[in-house]
């Protein structure tokens, strides 16, 4: 009789062990069972949703056959790690285990967005709005957080010039400030110690290089011409000549909300510090966000003595050393177009 309680305990332990083994086999089978959605299924898991609520949501989307088993498996094998909130794309072949691992790792759906070279920060904001990009907050307001670049450009009043053109991938609901921080971090990756050293050799600040790069970006999209355009501007700056850069006037008109897509001869008298037809030297700051090739061109102008260039109206330009040669090119290519006199 004295051994009866011990036997009962042993039987209970054996039962529990068998039950645990059975439960483990059951959960393993359920977690390995393949769901068969016809295509990728996108599910938005809101912040604060409990594991039980997540299991129900997945079941409602026909991704789980056994939501209670999913919830139990999470508690036994994955807690205290979180099932991360966010937007997920679950793609076949799919199992409950694969879903669990994806959510614990927080592998949320990323939305691509390409920021082309040469846009202003206002134009980037318009692009994001047109595409209905799923972010929170004001992109324009985020772009005014000049402290994000103050160590490289203490004179910056906003982030114009420092939103690096690239294809980015952000999750749904990312904040505008996080997007902007990422773009600035990409600028830093592309303007590192080597570029800073070269700017020092040219006796130019980061702001001056980026401003020059923005002019180059807006003047030509041809890679082979960028160092030549850079040379023209460097040579003019060295000689104290005005840059006579049309895109700077366009930028000034945009700042005033007056640009209608056409640049007129009278606009060259626009009283703006950005008007390089009126004022010698670089404009006060960048007029767009330049790409890496334009930044490199600003840092490494071609070793030529050109002072002028004019458009052939096909995207390419003619470069000349003398004003007489330039005027002949203007007569040839721009006789009916007074926009691009240099």
C-alpha atoms as a PDB file:
ATOM      1  CA  UNK A   1       0.000   0.000   0.000  1.00  0.00           C
ATOM      2  CA  UNK A   2       2.864   2.323   0.712  1.00  0.00           C
ATOM      3  CA  UNK A   3       3.971   2.165  -2.943  1.00  0.00           C
ATOM      4  CA  UNK A   4       0.554   3.066  -4.366  1.00  0.00           C
ATOM      5  CA  UNK A   5       1.088   6.854  -4.492  1.00  0.00           C
ATOM      6  CA  UNK A   6       4.443   6.317  -6.192  1.00  0.00           C
ATOM      7  CA  UNK A   7       2.837   4.119  -8.811  1.00  0.00           C
ATOM      8  CA  UNK A   8       0.126   6.681  -9.408  1.00  0.00           C
ATOM      9  CA  UNK A   9       2.753   9.372  -9.895  1.00  0.00           C
ATOM     10  CA  UNK A  10       4.684   7.125 -12.264  1.00  0.00           C
ATOM     11  CA  UNK A  11       1.523   6.386 -14.259  1.00  0.00           C
ATOM     12  CA  UNK A  12       0.695  10.089 -14.416  1.00  0.00           C
ATOM     13  CA  UNK A  13       4.204  10.898 -15.629  1.00  0.00           C
ATOM     14  CA  UNK A  14       4.035   8.161 -18.226  1.00  0.00           C
ATOM     15  CA  UNK A  15       0.660   9.466 -19.383  1.00  0.00           C
ATOM     16  CA  UNK A  16       1.963  13.011 -19.604  1.00  0.00           C
ATOM     17  CA  UNK A  17       5.030  11.866 -21.511  1.00  0.00           C
ATOM     18  CA  UNK A  18       2.895   9.935 -23.973  1.00  0.00           C
ATOM     19  CA  UNK A  19       0.511  12.892 -24.266  1.00  0.00           C
ATOM     20  CA  UNK A  20       3.399  15.266 -24.902  1.00  0.00           C
ATOM     21  CA  UNK A  21       4.836  12.960 -27.530  1.00  0.00           C
ATOM     22  CA  UNK A  22       1.432  12.657 -29.143  1.00  0.00           C
ATOM     23  CA  UNK A  23       0.951  16.428 -29.023  1.00  0.00           C
ATOM     24  CA  UNK A  24       4.392  16.966 -30.516  1.00  0.00           C
ATOM     25  CA  UNK A  25       3.650  14.574 -33.375  1.00  0.00           C
ATOM     26  CA  UNK A  26       0.256  16.206 -33.932  1.00  0.00           C
ATOM     27  CA  UNK A  27       1.687  19.744 -33.994  1.00  0.00           C
ATOM     28  CA  UNK A  28       4.555  18.645 -36.248  1.00  0.00           C
ATOM     29  CA  UNK A  29       2.048  17.146 -38.691  1.00  0.00           C
ATOM     30  CA  UNK A  30      -0.199  20.211 -38.585  1.00  0.00           C
ATOM     31  CA  UNK A  31       2.695  22.671 -38.973  1.00  0.00           C
ATOM     32  CA  UNK A  32       4.056  20.722 -41.953  1.00  0.00           C
ATOM     33  CA  UNK A  33       0.680  20.430 -43.632  1.00  0.00           C
ATOM     34  CA  UNK A  34       0.692  22.387 -46.864  1.00  0.00           C
ATOM     35  CA  UNK A  35      -1.812  25.145 -47.446  1.00  0.00           C
ATOM     36  CA  UNK A  36      -2.816  25.491 -51.069  1.00  0.00           C
ATOM     37  CA  UNK A  37      -3.571  29.117 -51.932  1.00  0.00           C
ATOM     38  CA  UNK A  38      -3.878  29.630 -55.681  1.00  0.00           C
ATOM     39  CA  UNK A  39      -1.485  32.563 -55.615  1.00  0.00           C
ATOM     40  CA  UNK A  40       0.454  34.770 -53.247  1.00  0.00           C
ATOM     41  CA  UNK A  41      -1.820  36.085 -50.496  1.00  0.00           C
ATOM     42  CA  UNK A  42      -1.189  39.508 -48.963  1.00  0.00           C
ATOM     43  CA  UNK A  43      -2.233  39.907 -45.335  1.00  0.00           C
ATOM     44  CA  UNK A  44      -1.956  43.029 -43.199  1.00  0.00           C
ATOM     45  CA  UNK A  45      -1.304  42.223 -39.537  1.00  0.00           C
ATOM     46  CA  UNK A  46      -2.152  45.287 -37.470  1.00  0.00           C
ATOM     47  CA  UNK A  47      -0.030  46.302 -34.500  1.00  0.00           C
ATOM     48  CA  UNK A  48      -1.351  44.987 -31.187  1.00  0.00           C
ATOM     49  CA  UNK A  49      -3.099  41.951 -32.685  1.00  0.00           C
ATOM     50  CA  UNK A  50      -2.742  38.952 -30.357  1.00  0.00           C
ATOM     51  CA  UNK A  51      -1.353  35.575 -31.497  1.00  0.00           C
ATOM     52  CA  UNK A  52      -4.895  34.214 -31.270  1.00  0.00           C
ATOM     53  CA  UNK A  53      -6.161  37.076 -33.429  1.00  0.00           C
ATOM     54  CA  UNK A  54      -3.351  36.513 -35.929  1.00  0.00           C
ATOM     55  CA  UNK A  55      -4.237  32.809 -36.150  1.00  0.00           C
ATOM     56  CA  UNK A  56      -7.887  33.723 -36.840  1.00  0.00           C
ATOM     57  CA  UNK A  57      -6.839  36.250 -39.482  1.00  0.00           C
ATOM     58  CA  UNK A  58      -4.690  33.654 -41.251  1.00  0.00           C
ATOM     59  CA  UNK A  59      -7.525  31.144 -41.070  1.00  0.00           C
ATOM     60  CA  UNK A  60      -9.955  33.674 -42.563  1.00  0.00           C
ATOM     61  CA  UNK A  61      -7.529  34.144 -45.445  1.00  0.00           C
ATOM     62  CA  UNK A  62      -7.458  30.340 -45.983  1.00  0.00           C
ATOM     63  CA  UNK A  63      -3.798  30.107 -45.026  1.00  0.00           C
ATOM     64  CA  UNK A  64      -4.373  27.924 -41.935  1.00  0.00           C
ATOM     65  CA  UNK A  65      -6.602  24.904 -41.456  1.00  0.00           C
ATOM     66  CA  UNK A  66      -5.973  24.607 -37.726  1.00  0.00           C
ATOM     67  CA  UNK A  67      -5.672  28.065 -36.088  1.00  0.00           C
ATOM     68  CA  UNK A  68      -5.740  26.661 -32.528  1.00  0.00           C
ATOM     69  CA  UNK A  69      -2.867  24.326 -33.289  1.00  0.00           C
ATOM     70  CA  UNK A  70      -0.952  27.261 -34.805  1.00  0.00           C
ATOM     71  CA  UNK A  71      -1.547  29.290 -31.640  1.00  0.00           C
ATOM     72  CA  UNK A  72      -0.425  26.365 -29.434  1.00  0.00           C
ATOM     73  CA  UNK A  73       2.688  25.745 -31.499  1.00  0.00           C
ATOM     74  CA  UNK A  74       3.604  29.398 -31.177  1.00  0.00           C
ATOM     75  CA  UNK A  75       3.247  29.283 -27.384  1.00  0.00           C
ATOM     76  CA  UNK A  76       5.284  26.073 -27.063  1.00  0.00           C
ATOM     77  CA  UNK A  77       8.057  26.616 -29.580  1.00  0.00           C
ATOM     78  CA  UNK A  78       8.397  30.303 -30.477  1.00  0.00           C
ATOM     79  CA  UNK A  79       7.273  32.432 -27.521  1.00  0.00           C
ATOM     80  CA  UNK A  80       8.545  34.844 -26.192  1.00  0.00           C
ATOM     81  CA  UNK A  81       9.610  35.862 -29.699  1.00  0.00           C
ATOM     82  CA  UNK A  82       6.942  38.022 -31.290  1.00  0.00           C
ATOM     83  CA  UNK A  83       4.808  37.477 -34.344  1.00  0.00           C
ATOM     84  CA  UNK A  84       5.702  40.784 -35.970  1.00  0.00           C
ATOM     85  CA  UNK A  85       3.045  43.163 -37.244  1.00  0.00           C
ATOM     86  CA  UNK A  86       3.158  44.342 -40.828  1.00  0.00           C
ATOM     87  CA  UNK A  87       2.120  43.502 -44.359  1.00  0.00           C
ATOM     88  CA  UNK A  88       3.038  39.992 -45.493  1.00  0.00           C
ATOM     89  CA  UNK A  89       3.000  38.245 -48.826  1.00  0.00           C
ATOM     90  CA  UNK A  90       2.598  34.510 -48.269  1.00  0.00           C
ATOM     91  CA  UNK A  91       3.548  32.595 -51.380  1.00  0.00           C
ATOM     92  CA  UNK A  92       2.907  28.938 -52.213  1.00  0.00           C
ATOM     93  CA  UNK A  93       4.103  26.300 -51.480  1.00  0.00           C
ATOM     94  CA  UNK A  94       3.107  27.235 -47.961  1.00  0.00           C
ATOM     95  CA  UNK A  95       3.025  25.526 -44.578  1.00  0.00           C
ATOM     96  CA  UNK A  96       2.033  26.772 -41.149  1.00  0.00           C
ATOM     97  CA  UNK A  97       5.669  26.425 -40.081  1.00  0.00           C
ATOM     98  CA  UNK A  98       6.803  28.621 -42.990  1.00  0.00           C
ATOM     99  CA  UNK A  99       4.198  31.237 -42.049  1.00  0.00           C
ATOM    100  CA  UNK A 100       5.316  31.162 -38.409  1.00  0.00           C
ATOM    101  CA  UNK A 101       8.999  31.505 -39.301  1.00  0.00           C
ATOM    102  CA  UNK A 102       8.290  34.368 -41.711  1.00  0.00           C
ATOM    103  CA  UNK A 103       6.312  36.279 -39.090  1.00  0.00           C
ATOM    104  CA  UNK A 104       8.772  35.674 -36.259  1.00  0.00           C
ATOM    105  CA  UNK A 105      11.558  36.943 -38.531  1.00  0.00           C
ATOM    106  CA  UNK A 106       9.413  39.943 -39.533  1.00  0.00           C
ATOM    107  CA  UNK A 107       9.928  39.332 -43.269  1.00  0.00           C
ATOM    108  CA  UNK A 108       7.283  41.799 -44.308  1.00  0.00           C
ATOM    109  CA  UNK A 109       6.326  42.816 -47.823  1.00  0.00           C
ATOM    110  CA  UNK A 110       8.566  45.559 -49.192  1.00  0.00           C
ATOM    111  CA  UNK A 111       7.284  48.085 -51.726  1.00  0.00           C
ATOM    112  CA  UNK A 112       9.842  49.262 -54.308  1.00  0.00           C
ATOM    113  CA  UNK A 113      10.078  52.904 -55.287  1.00  0.00           C
ATOM    114  CA  UNK A 114      12.570  54.349 -57.757  1.00  0.00           C
ATOM    115  CA  UNK A 115      13.758  57.907 -57.196  1.00  0.00           C
ATOM    116  CA  UNK A 116      15.151  59.132 -60.549  1.00  0.00           C
ATOM    117  CA  UNK A 117      18.148  61.424 -60.780  1.00  0.00           C
ATOM    118  CA  UNK A 118      17.448  65.134 -61.034  1.00  0.00           C
ATOM    119  CA  UNK A 119      14.226  65.513 -59.038  1.00  0.00           C
ATOM    120  CA  UNK A 120      13.765  68.172 -56.376  1.00  0.00           C
ATOM    121  CA  UNK A 121      12.487  67.062 -52.998  1.00  0.00           C
ATOM    122  CA  UNK A 122       9.106  68.598 -53.854  1.00  0.00           C
ATOM    123  CA  UNK A 123       9.007  66.499 -57.026  1.00  0.00           C
ATOM    124  CA  UNK A 124       9.920  63.369 -55.071  1.00  0.00           C
ATOM    125  CA  UNK A 125       6.989  64.101 -52.743  1.00  0.00           C
ATOM    126  CA  UNK A 126       4.707  64.447 -55.781  1.00  0.00           C
ATOM    127  CA  UNK A 127       6.023  61.172 -57.200  1.00  0.00           C
ATOM    128  CA  UNK A 128       5.261  59.319 -53.970  1.00  0.00           C
ATOM    129  CA  UNK A 129       1.781  60.833 -53.867  1.00  0.00           C
ATOM    130  CA  UNK A 130       1.075  59.903 -57.495  1.00  0.00           C
ATOM    131  CA  UNK A 131       2.151  56.318 -56.888  1.00  0.00           C
ATOM    132  CA  UNK A 132       0.071  56.111 -53.716  1.00  0.00           C
ATOM    133  CA  UNK A 133       3.125  54.928 -51.829  1.00  0.00           C
ATOM    134  CA  UNK A 134       2.071  53.567 -48.413  1.00  0.00           C
ATOM    135  CA  UNK A 135       3.960  55.739 -45.928  1.00  0.00           C
ATOM    136  CA  UNK A 136       2.946  57.846 -42.946  1.00  0.00           C
ATOM    137  CA  UNK A 137       3.658  61.500 -42.269  1.00  0.00           C
ATOM    138  CA  UNK A 138       4.653  64.463 -44.412  1.00  0.00           C
ATOM    139  CA  UNK A 139       7.512  63.843 -46.827  1.00  0.00           C
ATOM    140  CA  UNK A 140       7.948  67.570 -47.390  1.00  0.00           C
ATOM    141  CA  UNK A 141       8.219  68.192 -43.661  1.00  0.00           C
ATOM    142  CA  UNK A 142      10.743  65.370 -43.310  1.00  0.00           C
ATOM    143  CA  UNK A 143      12.852  66.932 -46.073  1.00  0.00           C
ATOM    144  CA  UNK A 144      13.155  70.091 -43.998  1.00  0.00           C
ATOM    145  CA  UNK A 145      15.040  68.245 -41.240  1.00  0.00           C
ATOM    146  CA  UNK A 146      18.377  69.771 -42.255  1.00  0.00           C
ATOM    147  CA  UNK A 147      20.062  68.496 -39.095  1.00  0.00           C
ATOM    148  CA  UNK A 148      20.328  65.109 -40.833  1.00  0.00           C
ATOM    149  CA  UNK A 149      23.087  66.534 -43.034  1.00  0.00           C
ATOM    150  CA  UNK A 150      24.383  69.370 -40.832  1.00  0.00           C
ATOM    151  CA  UNK A 151      27.751  67.688 -40.210  1.00  0.00           C
ATOM    152  CA  UNK A 152      28.497  67.720 -43.953  1.00  0.00           C
ATOM    153  CA  UNK A 153      26.594  70.859 -44.875  1.00  0.00           C
ATOM    154  CA  UNK A 154      26.073  73.301 -41.985  1.00  0.00           C
ATOM    155  CA  UNK A 155      24.443  75.794 -44.362  1.00  0.00           C
ATOM    156  CA  UNK A 156      21.687  73.437 -45.505  1.00  0.00           C
ATOM    157  CA  UNK A 157      18.166  74.703 -44.847  1.00  0.00           C
ATOM    158  CA  UNK A 158      16.644  71.471 -46.144  1.00  0.00           C
ATOM    159  CA  UNK A 159      17.788  68.185 -47.666  1.00  0.00           C
ATOM    160  CA  UNK A 160      17.756  69.292 -51.306  1.00  0.00           C
ATOM    161  CA  UNK A 161      20.682  67.576 -53.005  1.00  0.00           C
ATOM    162  CA  UNK A 162      21.091  64.871 -50.363  1.00  0.00           C
ATOM    163  CA  UNK A 163      18.178  62.540 -51.194  1.00  0.00           C
ATOM    164  CA  UNK A 164      20.170  60.015 -53.161  1.00  0.00           C
ATOM    165  CA  UNK A 165      18.487  58.724 -56.352  1.00  0.00           C
ATOM    166  CA  UNK A 166      18.064  54.954 -56.047  1.00  0.00           C
ATOM    167  CA  UNK A 167      15.492  52.165 -56.010  1.00  0.00           C
ATOM    168  CA  UNK A 168      14.390  51.729 -52.416  1.00  0.00           C
ATOM    169  CA  UNK A 169      12.273  49.069 -50.737  1.00  0.00           C
ATOM    170  CA  UNK A 170      10.175  50.100 -47.754  1.00  0.00           C
ATOM    171  CA  UNK A 171       7.504  48.317 -45.770  1.00  0.00           C
ATOM    172  CA  UNK A 172       3.920  49.570 -45.632  1.00  0.00           C
ATOM    173  CA  UNK A 173       3.440  52.315 -43.087  1.00  0.00           C
ATOM    174  CA  UNK A 174       7.086  53.385 -42.989  1.00  0.00           C
ATOM    175  CA  UNK A 175       7.364  56.943 -41.712  1.00  0.00           C
ATOM    176  CA  UNK A 176       8.399  59.735 -44.059  1.00  0.00           C
ATOM    177  CA  UNK A 177      11.319  60.611 -41.796  1.00  0.00           C
ATOM    178  CA  UNK A 178      12.631  57.030 -41.983  1.00  0.00           C
ATOM    179  CA  UNK A 179      12.433  57.163 -45.777  1.00  0.00           C
ATOM    180  CA  UNK A 180      14.351  60.425 -45.810  1.00  0.00           C
ATOM    181  CA  UNK A 181      16.961  59.104 -43.370  1.00  0.00           C
ATOM    182  CA  UNK A 182      17.525  56.111 -45.634  1.00  0.00           C
ATOM    183  CA  UNK A 183      17.984  58.336 -48.682  1.00  0.00           C
ATOM    184  CA  UNK A 184      20.462  60.540 -46.819  1.00  0.00           C
ATOM    185  CA  UNK A 185      22.353  57.452 -45.627  1.00  0.00           C
ATOM    186  CA  UNK A 186      22.709  56.349 -49.263  1.00  0.00           C
ATOM    187  CA  UNK A 187      24.096  59.786 -50.094  1.00  0.00           C
ATOM    188  CA  UNK A 188      26.681  59.336 -47.340  1.00  0.00           C
ATOM    189  CA  UNK A 189      27.654  55.943 -48.765  1.00  0.00           C
ATOM    190  CA  UNK A 190      28.274  57.607 -52.110  1.00  0.00           C
ATOM    191  CA  UNK A 191      30.051  60.644 -50.668  1.00  0.00           C
ATOM    192  CA  UNK A 192      32.568  59.001 -48.379  1.00  0.00           C
ATOM    193  CA  UNK A 193      36.163  59.742 -47.371  1.00  0.00           C
ATOM    194  CA  UNK A 194      37.489  59.533 -50.938  1.00  0.00           C
ATOM    195  CA  UNK A 195      34.951  62.052 -52.217  1.00  0.00           C
ATOM    196  CA  UNK A 196      35.496  64.307 -49.217  1.00  0.00           C
ATOM    197  CA  UNK A 197      39.230  64.202 -49.851  1.00  0.00           C
ATOM    198  CA  UNK A 198      38.785  65.104 -53.490  1.00  0.00           C
ATOM    199  CA  UNK A 199      36.499  68.023 -52.578  1.00  0.00           C
ATOM    200  CA  UNK A 200      39.265  69.258 -50.291  1.00  0.00           C
ATOM    201  CA  UNK A 201      41.778  69.054 -53.144  1.00  0.00           C
ATOM    202  CA  UNK A 202      39.456  71.252 -55.204  1.00  0.00           C
ATOM    203  CA  UNK A 203      39.078  73.603 -52.233  1.00  0.00           C
ATOM    204  CA  UNK A 204      35.311  73.151 -52.398  1.00  0.00           C
ATOM    205  CA  UNK A 205      32.802  72.295 -49.688  1.00  0.00           C
ATOM    206  CA  UNK A 206      30.402  69.376 -49.854  1.00  0.00           C
ATOM    207  CA  UNK A 207      27.594  71.858 -50.498  1.00  0.00           C
ATOM    208  CA  UNK A 208      29.485  73.405 -53.410  1.00  0.00           C
ATOM    209  CA  UNK A 209      30.230  70.012 -54.980  1.00  0.00           C
ATOM    210  CA  UNK A 210      26.630  68.831 -54.633  1.00  0.00           C
ATOM    211  CA  UNK A 211      25.359  72.152 -56.007  1.00  0.00           C
ATOM    212  CA  UNK A 212      27.679  71.832 -59.003  1.00  0.00           C
ATOM    213  CA  UNK A 213      26.626  68.179 -59.452  1.00  0.00           C
ATOM    214  CA  UNK A 214      22.976  69.248 -59.474  1.00  0.00           C
ATOM    215  CA  UNK A 215      23.679  71.690 -62.315  1.00  0.00           C
ATOM    216  CA  UNK A 216      25.462  68.968 -64.276  1.00  0.00           C
ATOM    217  CA  UNK A 217      22.556  66.579 -63.640  1.00  0.00           C
ATOM    218  CA  UNK A 218      20.048  69.018 -65.074  1.00  0.00           C
ATOM    219  CA  UNK A 219      22.195  70.021 -68.067  1.00  0.00           C
ATOM    220  CA  UNK A 220      22.817  66.570 -69.541  1.00  0.00           C
ATOM    221  CA  UNK A 221      21.633  63.006 -69.155  1.00  0.00           C
ATOM    222  CA  UNK A 222      24.487  61.644 -71.272  1.00  0.00           C
ATOM    223  CA  UNK A 223      27.128  60.002 -69.135  1.00  0.00           C
ATOM    224  CA  UNK A 224      29.918  60.758 -71.619  1.00  0.00           C
ATOM    225  CA  UNK A 225      29.129  64.496 -71.467  1.00  0.00           C
ATOM    226  CA  UNK A 226      28.995  65.006 -67.720  1.00  0.00           C
ATOM    227  CA  UNK A 227      32.712  65.513 -67.150  1.00  0.00           C
ATOM    228  CA  UNK A 228      32.746  67.945 -70.099  1.00  0.00           C
ATOM    229  CA  UNK A 229      29.875  70.004 -68.658  1.00  0.00           C
ATOM    230  CA  UNK A 230      31.695  69.887 -65.331  1.00  0.00           C
ATOM    231  CA  UNK A 231      34.843  71.200 -67.020  1.00  0.00           C
ATOM    232  CA  UNK A 232      32.930  74.140 -68.539  1.00  0.00           C
ATOM    233  CA  UNK A 233      31.556  75.126 -65.132  1.00  0.00           C
ATOM    234  CA  UNK A 234      34.881  74.652 -63.326  1.00  0.00           C
ATOM    235  CA  UNK A 235      36.652  76.742 -65.959  1.00  0.00           C
ATOM    236  CA  UNK A 236      34.055  79.504 -65.744  1.00  0.00           C
ATOM    237  CA  UNK A 237      34.194  79.545 -61.958  1.00  0.00           C
ATOM    238  CA  UNK A 238      37.967  79.821 -62.055  1.00  0.00           C
ATOM    239  CA  UNK A 239      37.779  82.752 -64.492  1.00  0.00           C
ATOM    240  CA  UNK A 240      34.987  84.517 -62.612  1.00  0.00           C
ATOM    241  CA  UNK A 241      32.538  84.104 -65.509  1.00  0.00           C
ATOM    242  CA  UNK A 242      28.820  83.701 -64.926  1.00  0.00           C
ATOM    243  CA  UNK A 243      27.637  80.104 -65.362  1.00  0.00           C
ATOM    244  CA  UNK A 244      24.616  81.073 -67.523  1.00  0.00           C
ATOM    245  CA  UNK A 245      22.840  77.851 -66.549  1.00  0.00           C
ATOM    246  CA  UNK A 246      19.202  77.667 -67.649  1.00  0.00           C
ATOM    247  CA  UNK A 247      18.149  75.041 -65.045  1.00  0.00           C
ATOM    248  CA  UNK A 248      19.005  77.453 -62.236  1.00  0.00           C
ATOM    249  CA  UNK A 249      16.384  79.902 -63.546  1.00  0.00           C
ATOM    250  CA  UNK A 250      13.869  77.077 -63.892  1.00  0.00           C
ATOM    251  CA  UNK A 251      14.526  76.130 -60.265  1.00  0.00           C
ATOM    252  CA  UNK A 252      14.032  79.745 -59.171  1.00  0.00           C
ATOM    253  CA  UNK A 253      10.723  79.883 -61.067  1.00  0.00           C
ATOM    254  CA  UNK A 254       9.633  76.611 -59.433  1.00  0.00           C
ATOM    255  CA  UNK A 255      10.391  78.046 -55.995  1.00  0.00           C
ATOM    256  CA  UNK A 256       7.991  80.866 -56.816  1.00  0.00           C
ATOM    257  CA  UNK A 257       5.420  78.501 -58.317  1.00  0.00           C
ATOM    258  CA  UNK A 258       5.736  80.257 -61.674  1.00  0.00           C
ATOM    259  CA  UNK A 259       7.279  77.662 -63.972  1.00  0.00           C
ATOM    260  CA  UNK A 260       4.849  76.502 -66.684  1.00  0.00           C
ATOM    261  CA  UNK A 261       7.227  74.280 -68.616  1.00  0.00           C
ATOM    262  CA  UNK A 262       8.620  77.071 -70.796  1.00  0.00           C
ATOM    263  CA  UNK A 263      11.679  79.239 -70.243  1.00  0.00           C
ATOM    264  CA  UNK A 264      11.431  82.668 -71.838  1.00  0.00           C
ATOM    265  CA  UNK A 265      14.106  85.215 -72.660  1.00  0.00           C
ATOM    266  CA  UNK A 266      12.686  87.645 -70.095  1.00  0.00           C
ATOM    267  CA  UNK A 267      13.176  85.023 -67.370  1.00  0.00           C
ATOM    268  CA  UNK A 268      16.924  85.554 -67.614  1.00  0.00           C
ATOM    269  CA  UNK A 269      16.360  88.822 -65.754  1.00  0.00           C
ATOM    270  CA  UNK A 270      14.563  87.098 -62.872  1.00  0.00           C
ATOM    271  CA  UNK A 271      15.788  88.719 -59.622  1.00  0.00           C
ATOM    272  CA  UNK A 272      16.732  85.516 -57.810  1.00  0.00           C
ATOM    273  CA  UNK A 273      20.043  84.475 -56.210  1.00  0.00           C
ATOM    274  CA  UNK A 274      19.638  81.231 -58.183  1.00  0.00           C
ATOM    275  CA  UNK A 275      19.772  83.137 -61.477  1.00  0.00           C
ATOM    276  CA  UNK A 276      23.253  82.364 -62.805  1.00  0.00           C
ATOM    277  CA  UNK A 277      22.701  84.722 -65.727  1.00  0.00           C
ATOM    278  CA  UNK A 278      22.672  87.603 -63.246  1.00  0.00           C
ATOM    279  CA  UNK A 279      25.098  86.427 -60.584  1.00  0.00           C
ATOM    280  CA  UNK A 280      28.543  84.898 -60.950  1.00  0.00           C
ATOM    281  CA  UNK A 281      29.505  81.796 -59.003  1.00  0.00           C
ATOM    282  CA  UNK A 282      27.406  78.854 -57.911  1.00  0.00           C
ATOM    283  CA  UNK A 283      23.777  79.331 -56.876  1.00  0.00           C
ATOM    284  CA  UNK A 284      23.027  79.283 -53.120  1.00  0.00           C
ATOM    285  CA  UNK A 285      22.449  75.517 -53.040  1.00  0.00           C
ATOM    286  CA  UNK A 286      21.563  72.396 -55.021  1.00  0.00           C
ATOM    287  CA  UNK A 287      18.755  72.696 -57.571  1.00  0.00           C
ATOM    288  CA  UNK A 288      17.939  68.970 -57.570  1.00  0.00           C
ATOM    289  CA  UNK A 289      19.127  65.669 -56.146  1.00  0.00           C
ATOM    290  CA  UNK A 290      21.995  64.484 -58.371  1.00  0.00           C
ATOM    291  CA  UNK A 291      23.061  60.891 -58.974  1.00  0.00           C
ATOM    292  CA  UNK A 292      26.485  59.390 -58.405  1.00  0.00           C
ATOM    293  CA  UNK A 293      27.787  59.973 -61.944  1.00  0.00           C
ATOM    294  CA  UNK A 294      27.045  63.702 -61.700  1.00  0.00           C
ATOM    295  CA  UNK A 295      28.697  63.883 -58.273  1.00  0.00           C
ATOM    296  CA  UNK A 296      31.792  62.148 -59.654  1.00  0.00           C
ATOM    297  CA  UNK A 297      31.794  64.483 -62.658  1.00  0.00           C
ATOM    298  CA  UNK A 298      31.702  67.506 -60.352  1.00  0.00           C
ATOM    299  CA  UNK A 299      34.688  66.071 -58.497  1.00  0.00           C
ATOM    300  CA  UNK A 300      36.593  65.030 -61.612  1.00  0.00           C
ATOM    301  CA  UNK A 301      36.058  67.455 -64.526  1.00  0.00           C
ATOM    302  CA  UNK A 302      37.536  66.526 -67.879  1.00  0.00           C
ATOM    303  CA  UNK A 303      40.982  68.073 -68.533  1.00  0.00           C
ATOM    304  CA  UNK A 304      39.738  70.418 -71.264  1.00  0.00           C
ATOM    305  CA  UNK A 305      39.542  74.193 -71.604  1.00  0.00           C
ATOM    306  CA  UNK A 306      35.971  74.444 -72.926  1.00  0.00           C
ATOM    307  CA  UNK A 307      33.985  77.473 -71.800  1.00  0.00           C
ATOM    308  CA  UNK A 308      30.766  77.010 -73.783  1.00  0.00           C
ATOM    309  CA  UNK A 309      28.288  74.341 -74.796  1.00  0.00           C
ATOM    310  CA  UNK A 310      25.041  74.364 -76.716  1.00  0.00           C
ATOM    311  CA  UNK A 311      22.364  71.730 -77.266  1.00  0.00           C
ATOM    312  CA  UNK A 312      21.990  69.941 -80.585  1.00  0.00           C
ATOM    313  CA  UNK A 313      18.328  69.396 -79.632  1.00  0.00           C
ATOM    314  CA  UNK A 314      18.818  65.624 -79.577  1.00  0.00           C
ATOM    315  CA  UNK A 315      20.081  65.323 -76.014  1.00  0.00           C
ATOM    316  CA  UNK A 316      23.714  65.924 -76.975  1.00  0.00           C
ATOM    317  CA  UNK A 317      25.799  69.110 -76.894  1.00  0.00           C
ATOM    318  CA  UNK A 318      28.525  70.886 -78.836  1.00  0.00           C
ATOM    319  CA  UNK A 319      31.433  72.116 -76.697  1.00  0.00           C
ATOM    320  CA  UNK A 320      33.665  75.026 -77.665  1.00  0.00           C
ATOM    321  CA  UNK A 321      36.581  77.046 -76.348  1.00  0.00           C
ATOM    322  CA  UNK A 322      35.892  80.444 -77.912  1.00  0.00           C
ATOM    323  CA  UNK A 323      32.818  82.633 -77.998  1.00  0.00           C
ATOM    324  CA  UNK A 324      33.070  82.874 -81.789  1.00  0.00           C
ATOM    325  CA  UNK A 325      32.956  79.074 -82.164  1.00  0.00           C
ATOM    326  CA  UNK A 326      30.087  78.939 -79.720  1.00  0.00           C
ATOM    327  CA  UNK A 327      28.082  81.530 -81.660  1.00  0.00           C
ATOM    328  CA  UNK A 328      28.509  79.518 -84.850  1.00  0.00           C
ATOM    329  CA  UNK A 329      27.161  76.451 -83.022  1.00  0.00           C
ATOM    330  CA  UNK A 330      24.258  78.507 -81.690  1.00  0.00           C
ATOM    331  CA  UNK A 331      23.397  79.672 -85.206  1.00  0.00           C
ATOM    332  CA  UNK A 332      23.554  76.109 -86.460  1.00  0.00           C
ATOM    333  CA  UNK A 333      21.592  74.364 -83.727  1.00  0.00           C
ATOM    334  CA  UNK A 334      19.644  77.043 -81.880  1.00  0.00           C
ATOM    335  CA  UNK A 335      18.703  79.589 -84.529  1.00  0.00           C
ATOM    336  CA  UNK A 336      15.043  79.236 -83.678  1.00  0.00           C
ATOM    337  CA  UNK A 337      15.581  78.647 -79.966  1.00  0.00           C
ATOM    338  CA  UNK A 338      16.913  81.366 -77.707  1.00  0.00           C
ATOM    339  CA  UNK A 339      16.789  79.224 -74.551  1.00  0.00           C
ATOM    340  CA  UNK A 340      20.264  77.773 -74.455  1.00  0.00           C
ATOM    341  CA  UNK A 341      22.641  80.676 -75.066  1.00  0.00           C
ATOM    342  CA  UNK A 342      25.813  80.183 -73.007  1.00  0.00           C
END
